[in-house]
Amino acid sequence: MLVATTLPKLAPGAVVSHASAAVLHGLPILGVPPTRVHVTRNQQHGGSSRGPLHTHTRPTGDTRVVVVDGSPTTEVTQTVLDCSRSLDFEAAVVIADASLHRKLTTTADLETALGAAGFRRASARPEAVRWELVCWG
């Protein structure tokens, strides 16, 4: 798997995130599977995309991390929010719906995380998560 071959080459503290975390959590990806490994590093700025690696940055002090298949990975609730930021609406809804259906997260956890996320209008698409909360509410 691409994650297993890429992660050992990264600096300490990198956490598998976004669509790559969704794959590790067994959540369905709509369309073509990711061809890049998405990771998040505890930095304010400096994200990049090179070859098979897409690095996101944000302060990760409150981010809950779990180990999946030996890789540090964002927990499911954070993964759902990350995917709502980076994927199109339909793909994000599929991930949010599957995470709720499989009881990997709850509507309460998503509501709390969504409220605390501080989405920036220009880059955020939290509608997918909000849609799921309405459907599951």
N, C-alpha and C. Protein backbone atom coordinates (compact mmCIF):
# COMPACT_ATOMS: atom_id res chain seq x y z
N MET A 1 0.84 -1.17 0.00
CA MET A 1 0.00 0.00 0.00
C MET A 1 0.89 1.24 0.00
N LEU A 2 0.42 2.27 -0.65
CA LEU A 2 1.17 3.51 -0.80
C LEU A 2 1.50 4.15 0.54
N VAL A 3 0.57 4.10 1.50
CA VAL A 3 0.82 4.70 2.82
C VAL A 3 1.99 4.00 3.50
N ALA A 4 2.00 2.70 3.46
CA ALA A 4 3.05 1.93 4.15
C ALA A 4 4.43 2.22 3.58
N THR A 5 4.53 2.50 2.30
CA THR A 5 5.84 2.77 1.70
C THR A 5 6.25 4.23 1.83
N THR A 6 5.29 5.13 1.99
CA THR A 6 5.59 6.56 2.06
C THR A 6 5.85 7.04 3.48
N LEU A 7 5.08 6.58 4.45
CA LEU A 7 5.15 7.11 5.81
C LEU A 7 6.52 7.00 6.46
N PRO A 8 7.25 5.90 6.30
CA PRO A 8 8.57 5.82 6.96
C PRO A 8 9.56 6.89 6.48
N LYS A 9 9.33 7.47 5.33
CA LYS A 9 10.23 8.48 4.78
C LYS A 9 9.95 9.87 5.33
N LEU A 10 8.88 10.03 6.09
CA LEU A 10 8.47 11.35 6.58
C LEU A 10 9.12 11.70 7.90
N ALA A 11 9.15 12.99 8.16
CA ALA A 11 9.66 13.47 9.45
C ALA A 11 8.71 13.01 10.55
N PRO A 12 9.24 12.84 11.75
CA PRO A 12 8.39 12.45 12.88
C PRO A 12 7.25 13.46 13.08
N GLY A 13 6.12 12.94 13.50
CA GLY A 13 4.97 13.80 13.76
C GLY A 13 3.97 13.87 12.63
N ALA A 14 4.31 13.37 11.46
CA ALA A 14 3.35 13.36 10.36
C ALA A 14 2.26 12.34 10.66
N VAL A 15 1.02 12.71 10.39
CA VAL A 15 -0.13 11.87 10.68
C VAL A 15 -0.91 11.66 9.39
N VAL A 16 -1.25 10.42 9.06
CA VAL A 16 -2.06 10.14 7.88
C VAL A 16 -3.41 10.82 8.08
N SER A 17 -3.87 11.52 7.05
CA SER A 17 -5.09 12.31 7.18
C SER A 17 -5.88 12.33 5.87
N HIS A 18 -6.99 13.04 5.90
CA HIS A 18 -7.83 13.28 4.73
C HIS A 18 -8.25 11.95 4.09
N ALA A 19 -8.24 11.88 2.75
CA ALA A 19 -8.72 10.68 2.07
C ALA A 19 -7.88 9.45 2.39
N SER A 20 -6.59 9.64 2.65
CA SER A 20 -5.74 8.50 3.00
C SER A 20 -6.17 7.90 4.33
N ALA A 21 -6.54 8.75 5.30
CA ALA A 21 -7.05 8.24 6.58
C ALA A 21 -8.38 7.54 6.37
N ALA A 22 -9.22 8.07 5.50
CA ALA A 22 -10.51 7.42 5.22
C ALA A 22 -10.28 6.00 4.70
N VAL A 23 -9.31 5.85 3.81
CA VAL A 23 -8.99 4.52 3.28
C VAL A 23 -8.53 3.59 4.40
N LEU A 24 -7.63 4.07 5.26
CA LEU A 24 -7.15 3.24 6.35
C LEU A 24 -8.27 2.85 7.32
N HIS A 25 -9.23 3.74 7.51
CA HIS A 25 -10.38 3.45 8.38
C HIS A 25 -11.42 2.56 7.70
N GLY A 26 -11.18 2.22 6.43
CA GLY A 26 -12.11 1.35 5.71
C GLY A 26 -13.34 2.07 5.19
N LEU A 27 -13.27 3.39 5.10
CA LEU A 27 -14.40 4.16 4.59
C LEU A 27 -14.35 4.21 3.07
N PRO A 28 -15.51 4.22 2.42
CA PRO A 28 -15.53 4.19 0.96
C PRO A 28 -15.11 5.53 0.36
N ILE A 29 -14.37 5.46 -0.73
CA ILE A 29 -13.96 6.63 -1.48
C ILE A 29 -14.72 6.61 -2.80
N LEU A 30 -15.47 7.66 -3.04
CA LEU A 30 -16.25 7.77 -4.27
C LEU A 30 -15.32 8.07 -5.43
N GLY A 31 -15.44 7.32 -6.51
CA GLY A 31 -14.60 7.56 -7.68
C GLY A 31 -13.28 6.83 -7.58
N VAL A 32 -12.25 7.43 -8.13
CA VAL A 32 -10.93 6.83 -8.21
C VAL A 32 -10.24 6.90 -6.84
N PRO A 33 -9.64 5.80 -6.38
CA PRO A 33 -8.91 5.84 -5.11
C PRO A 33 -7.78 6.88 -5.15
N PRO A 34 -7.43 7.43 -4.01
CA PRO A 34 -6.37 8.44 -3.98
C PRO A 34 -5.05 7.89 -4.52
N THR A 35 -4.35 8.73 -5.28
CA THR A 35 -3.05 8.35 -5.82
C THR A 35 -1.92 9.01 -5.03
N ARG A 36 -2.29 9.81 -4.05
CA ARG A 36 -1.32 10.47 -3.17
C ARG A 36 -1.64 10.11 -1.73
N VAL A 37 -0.60 10.09 -0.93
CA VAL A 37 -0.78 9.92 0.50
C VAL A 37 -0.93 11.31 1.10
N HIS A 38 -2.03 11.51 1.84
CA HIS A 38 -2.27 12.79 2.51
C HIS A 38 -1.84 12.65 3.96
N VAL A 39 -1.00 13.59 4.40
CA VAL A 39 -0.58 13.63 5.79
C VAL A 39 -0.76 15.06 6.30
N THR A 40 -0.87 15.17 7.62
CA THR A 40 -0.93 16.48 8.26
C THR A 40 0.24 16.59 9.22
N ARG A 41 0.86 17.77 9.19
CA ARG A 41 1.97 18.06 10.11
C ARG A 41 1.59 19.22 11.00
N ASN A 42 2.13 19.23 12.19
CA ASN A 42 1.84 20.25 13.19
C ASN A 42 2.63 21.52 12.88
N GLN A 43 2.13 22.27 11.91
CA GLN A 43 2.74 23.53 11.52
C GLN A 43 1.63 24.50 11.13
N GLN A 44 1.93 25.77 11.21
CA GLN A 44 0.95 26.79 10.85
C GLN A 44 0.82 26.91 9.33
N HIS A 45 1.95 26.88 8.62
CA HIS A 45 1.97 27.08 7.17
C HIS A 45 2.95 26.09 6.55
N GLY A 46 2.89 25.98 5.22
CA GLY A 46 3.90 25.20 4.53
C GLY A 46 3.43 23.90 3.93
N GLY A 47 2.14 23.75 3.68
CA GLY A 47 1.66 22.54 3.02
C GLY A 47 2.26 22.45 1.62
N SER A 48 2.34 21.22 1.11
CA SER A 48 2.90 21.04 -0.23
C SER A 48 2.36 19.76 -0.85
N SER A 49 2.58 19.66 -2.13
CA SER A 49 2.18 18.47 -2.86
C SER A 49 3.31 18.12 -3.82
N ARG A 50 3.98 17.00 -3.53
CA ARG A 50 5.11 16.56 -4.37
C ARG A 50 5.02 15.06 -4.57
N GLY A 51 5.03 14.66 -5.81
CA GLY A 51 4.99 13.23 -6.12
C GLY A 51 3.81 12.55 -5.45
N PRO A 52 4.06 11.46 -4.75
CA PRO A 52 2.94 10.72 -4.15
C PRO A 52 2.51 11.25 -2.77
N LEU A 53 3.03 12.44 -2.37
CA LEU A 53 2.75 12.95 -1.03
C LEU A 53 2.09 14.33 -1.08
N HIS A 54 1.00 14.47 -0.36
CA HIS A 54 0.35 15.78 -0.18
C HIS A 54 0.39 16.08 1.32
N THR A 55 1.12 17.13 1.68
CA THR A 55 1.26 17.50 3.08
C THR A 55 0.36 18.67 3.41
N HIS A 56 -0.51 18.48 4.39
CA HIS A 56 -1.37 19.54 4.91
C HIS A 56 -0.74 20.01 6.21
N THR A 57 -0.96 21.26 6.55
CA THR A 57 -0.44 21.77 7.82
C THR A 57 -1.55 22.43 8.61
N ARG A 58 -1.48 22.28 9.92
CA ARG A 58 -2.36 22.96 10.86
C ARG A 58 -1.85 22.64 12.26
N PRO A 59 -2.15 23.50 13.20
CA PRO A 59 -1.82 23.15 14.58
C PRO A 59 -2.60 21.90 14.96
N THR A 60 -1.93 20.89 15.41
CA THR A 60 -2.59 19.60 15.67
C THR A 60 -2.68 19.27 17.15
N GLY A 61 -2.54 20.27 17.99
CA GLY A 61 -2.55 20.02 19.43
C GLY A 61 -3.77 19.28 19.93
N ASP A 62 -4.95 19.58 19.39
CA ASP A 62 -6.18 18.94 19.85
C ASP A 62 -6.60 17.77 18.97
N THR A 63 -5.85 17.47 17.94
CA THR A 63 -6.21 16.39 17.02
C THR A 63 -5.97 15.05 17.68
N ARG A 64 -7.03 14.23 17.70
CA ARG A 64 -6.88 12.88 18.24
C ARG A 64 -6.31 11.98 17.16
N VAL A 65 -5.30 11.22 17.56
CA VAL A 65 -4.61 10.33 16.62
C VAL A 65 -4.77 8.90 17.11
N VAL A 66 -5.04 8.01 16.17
CA VAL A 66 -5.12 6.58 16.46
C VAL A 66 -4.10 5.89 15.55
N VAL A 67 -3.76 4.68 15.89
CA VAL A 67 -2.85 3.91 15.04
C VAL A 67 -3.67 2.90 14.26
N VAL A 68 -3.56 2.97 12.94
CA VAL A 68 -4.28 2.05 12.06
C VAL A 68 -3.24 1.37 11.18
N ASP A 69 -3.21 0.06 11.22
CA ASP A 69 -2.22 -0.70 10.44
C ASP A 69 -0.80 -0.18 10.66
N GLY A 70 -0.50 0.21 11.89
CA GLY A 70 0.84 0.67 12.23
C GLY A 70 1.14 2.11 11.89
N SER A 71 0.16 2.83 11.33
CA SER A 71 0.38 4.22 10.93
C SER A 71 -0.40 5.18 11.81
N PRO A 72 0.24 6.24 12.33
CA PRO A 72 -0.51 7.25 13.06
C PRO A 72 -1.48 7.94 12.10
N THR A 73 -2.74 7.98 12.50
CA THR A 73 -3.82 8.39 11.61
C THR A 73 -4.81 9.26 12.38
N THR A 74 -5.36 10.27 11.72
CA THR A 74 -6.40 11.05 12.37
C THR A 74 -7.57 10.14 12.68
N GLU A 75 -8.20 10.37 13.84
CA GLU A 75 -9.36 9.54 14.18
C GLU A 75 -10.50 9.88 13.23
N VAL A 76 -11.55 9.08 13.26
CA VAL A 76 -12.59 9.15 12.23
C VAL A 76 -13.28 10.50 12.16
N THR A 77 -13.64 11.09 13.29
CA THR A 77 -14.36 12.37 13.26
C THR A 77 -13.51 13.43 12.55
N GLN A 78 -12.24 13.51 12.89
CA GLN A 78 -11.35 14.48 12.23
C GLN A 78 -11.20 14.15 10.75
N THR A 79 -11.13 12.87 10.43
CA THR A 79 -11.02 12.46 9.04
C THR A 79 -12.23 12.92 8.23
N VAL A 80 -13.42 12.77 8.79
CA VAL A 80 -14.64 13.22 8.11
C VAL A 80 -14.56 14.73 7.84
N LEU A 81 -14.16 15.51 8.83
CA LEU A 81 -14.04 16.95 8.63
C LEU A 81 -12.98 17.29 7.59
N ASP A 82 -11.84 16.61 7.66
CA ASP A 82 -10.79 16.87 6.68
C ASP A 82 -11.28 16.57 5.27
N CYS A 83 -12.01 15.49 5.11
CA CYS A 83 -12.53 15.13 3.78
C CYS A 83 -13.57 16.14 3.31
N SER A 84 -14.34 16.70 4.24
CA SER A 84 -15.32 17.71 3.83
C SER A 84 -14.62 18.98 3.37
N ARG A 85 -13.40 19.20 3.80
CA ARG A 85 -12.62 20.35 3.35
C ARG A 85 -11.98 20.11 1.99
N SER A 86 -11.61 18.88 1.71
CA SER A 86 -10.76 18.63 0.55
C SER A 86 -11.42 17.89 -0.61
N LEU A 87 -12.54 17.23 -0.36
CA LEU A 87 -13.21 16.47 -1.42
C LEU A 87 -14.46 17.21 -1.88
N ASP A 88 -15.01 16.77 -3.00
CA ASP A 88 -16.26 17.39 -3.43
C ASP A 88 -17.40 16.92 -2.53
N PHE A 89 -18.53 17.59 -2.64
CA PHE A 89 -19.66 17.37 -1.74
C PHE A 89 -20.08 15.90 -1.68
N GLU A 90 -20.29 15.29 -2.86
CA GLU A 90 -20.78 13.91 -2.89
C GLU A 90 -19.81 12.94 -2.22
N ALA A 91 -18.53 13.09 -2.51
CA ALA A 91 -17.53 12.19 -1.92
C ALA A 91 -17.48 12.37 -0.40
N ALA A 92 -17.59 13.61 0.06
CA ALA A 92 -17.57 13.87 1.50
C ALA A 92 -18.80 13.31 2.19
N VAL A 93 -19.97 13.39 1.53
CA VAL A 93 -21.20 12.83 2.09
C VAL A 93 -21.08 11.32 2.22
N VAL A 94 -20.51 10.66 1.23
CA VAL A 94 -20.34 9.20 1.28
C VAL A 94 -19.49 8.82 2.49
N ILE A 95 -18.41 9.54 2.72
CA ILE A 95 -17.52 9.23 3.85
C ILE A 95 -18.23 9.51 5.18
N ALA A 96 -18.91 10.65 5.28
CA ALA A 96 -19.63 10.99 6.51
C ALA A 96 -20.73 9.97 6.80
N ASP A 97 -21.48 9.61 5.77
CA ASP A 97 -22.57 8.67 5.95
C ASP A 97 -22.06 7.30 6.40
N ALA A 98 -21.00 6.83 5.75
CA ALA A 98 -20.44 5.52 6.12
C ALA A 98 -19.91 5.53 7.55
N SER A 99 -19.28 6.63 7.95
CA SER A 99 -18.74 6.69 9.32
C SER A 99 -19.85 6.65 10.35
N LEU A 100 -20.98 7.28 10.06
CA LEU A 100 -22.12 7.25 10.97
C LEU A 100 -22.80 5.88 10.94
N HIS A 101 -23.01 5.35 9.74
CA HIS A 101 -23.68 4.06 9.59
C HIS A 101 -22.91 2.95 10.31
N ARG A 102 -21.58 3.00 10.24
CA ARG A 102 -20.73 1.98 10.87
C ARG A 102 -20.44 2.28 12.34
N LYS A 103 -21.04 3.37 12.83
CA LYS A 103 -20.88 3.78 14.23
C LYS A 103 -19.42 4.03 14.60
N LEU A 104 -18.66 4.59 13.64
CA LEU A 104 -17.28 4.96 13.89
C LEU A 104 -17.18 6.36 14.49
N THR A 105 -18.24 7.13 14.35
CA THR A 105 -18.39 8.44 14.96
C THR A 105 -19.88 8.63 15.24
N THR A 106 -20.20 9.72 15.90
CA THR A 106 -21.60 10.02 16.22
C THR A 106 -21.94 11.40 15.71
N THR A 107 -23.24 11.67 15.61
CA THR A 107 -23.65 13.02 15.21
C THR A 107 -23.20 14.04 16.25
N ALA A 108 -23.22 13.67 17.52
CA ALA A 108 -22.77 14.59 18.57
C ALA A 108 -21.29 14.92 18.39
N ASP A 109 -20.46 13.90 18.10
CA ASP A 109 -19.03 14.15 17.89
C ASP A 109 -18.80 15.05 16.68
N LEU A 110 -19.54 14.79 15.60
CA LEU A 110 -19.39 15.61 14.40
C LEU A 110 -19.85 17.05 14.65
N GLU A 111 -20.98 17.22 15.36
CA GLU A 111 -21.45 18.57 15.67
C GLU A 111 -20.42 19.34 16.49
N THR A 112 -19.86 18.69 17.50
CA THR A 112 -18.85 19.33 18.35
C THR A 112 -17.62 19.69 17.54
N ALA A 113 -17.14 18.76 16.75
CA ALA A 113 -15.93 19.00 15.95
C ALA A 113 -16.18 20.07 14.89
N LEU A 114 -17.34 20.06 14.29
CA LEU A 114 -17.67 21.06 13.27
C LEU A 114 -17.71 22.45 13.89
N GLY A 115 -18.27 22.56 15.08
CA GLY A 115 -18.32 23.84 15.76
C GLY A 115 -16.95 24.35 16.16
N ALA A 116 -16.05 23.45 16.47
CA ALA A 116 -14.71 23.83 16.92
C ALA A 116 -13.72 23.98 15.76
N ALA A 117 -14.12 23.56 14.57
CA ALA A 117 -13.17 23.47 13.46
C ALA A 117 -12.70 24.82 12.93
N GLY A 118 -13.50 25.85 13.07
CA GLY A 118 -13.08 27.15 12.56
C GLY A 118 -12.89 27.15 11.06
N PHE A 119 -13.88 26.65 10.33
CA PHE A 119 -13.79 26.62 8.88
C PHE A 119 -13.59 28.03 8.32
N ARG A 120 -12.68 28.15 7.38
CA ARG A 120 -12.51 29.41 6.66
C ARG A 120 -13.42 29.34 5.45
N ARG A 121 -14.19 30.38 5.23
CA ARG A 121 -15.17 30.38 4.14
C ARG A 121 -14.57 30.04 2.78
N ALA A 122 -13.40 30.58 2.48
CA ALA A 122 -12.83 30.41 1.15
C ALA A 122 -12.47 28.97 0.83
N SER A 123 -12.11 28.17 1.82
CA SER A 123 -11.61 26.84 1.52
C SER A 123 -12.48 25.72 2.06
N ALA A 124 -13.52 26.06 2.80
CA ALA A 124 -14.26 25.01 3.50
C ALA A 124 -15.53 24.61 2.79
N ARG A 125 -15.84 23.34 2.92
CA ARG A 125 -17.10 22.83 2.40
C ARG A 125 -17.75 21.95 3.47
N PRO A 126 -18.12 22.55 4.59
CA PRO A 126 -18.70 21.74 5.66
C PRO A 126 -20.14 21.32 5.39
N GLU A 127 -20.69 21.72 4.24
CA GLU A 127 -22.08 21.37 3.95
C GLU A 127 -22.32 19.87 3.97
N ALA A 128 -21.34 19.09 3.54
CA ALA A 128 -21.50 17.63 3.52
C ALA A 128 -21.73 17.10 4.93
N VAL A 129 -20.97 17.60 5.89
CA VAL A 129 -21.14 17.15 7.27
C VAL A 129 -22.48 17.65 7.81
N ARG A 130 -22.80 18.90 7.53
CA ARG A 130 -24.09 19.44 7.99
C ARG A 130 -25.26 18.65 7.39
N TRP A 131 -25.14 18.29 6.13
CA TRP A 131 -26.17 17.50 5.45
C TRP A 131 -26.38 16.17 6.18
N GLU A 132 -25.30 15.50 6.52
CA GLU A 132 -25.40 14.24 7.23
C GLU A 132 -26.02 14.42 8.62
N LEU A 133 -25.69 15.50 9.29
CA LEU A 133 -26.28 15.74 10.60
C LEU A 133 -27.78 15.93 10.51
N VAL A 134 -28.23 16.61 9.45
CA VAL A 134 -29.67 16.78 9.24
C VAL A 134 -30.32 15.44 8.94
N CYS A 135 -29.70 14.66 8.08
CA CYS A 135 -30.26 13.36 7.69
C CYS A 135 -30.30 12.39 8.86
N TRP A 136 -29.28 12.42 9.68
CA TRP A 136 -29.20 11.48 10.80
C TRP A 136 -29.85 12.03 12.06
N GLY A 137 -30.15 13.34 12.06
CA GLY A 137 -30.70 13.97 13.26
C GLY A 137 -32.09 13.59 13.48
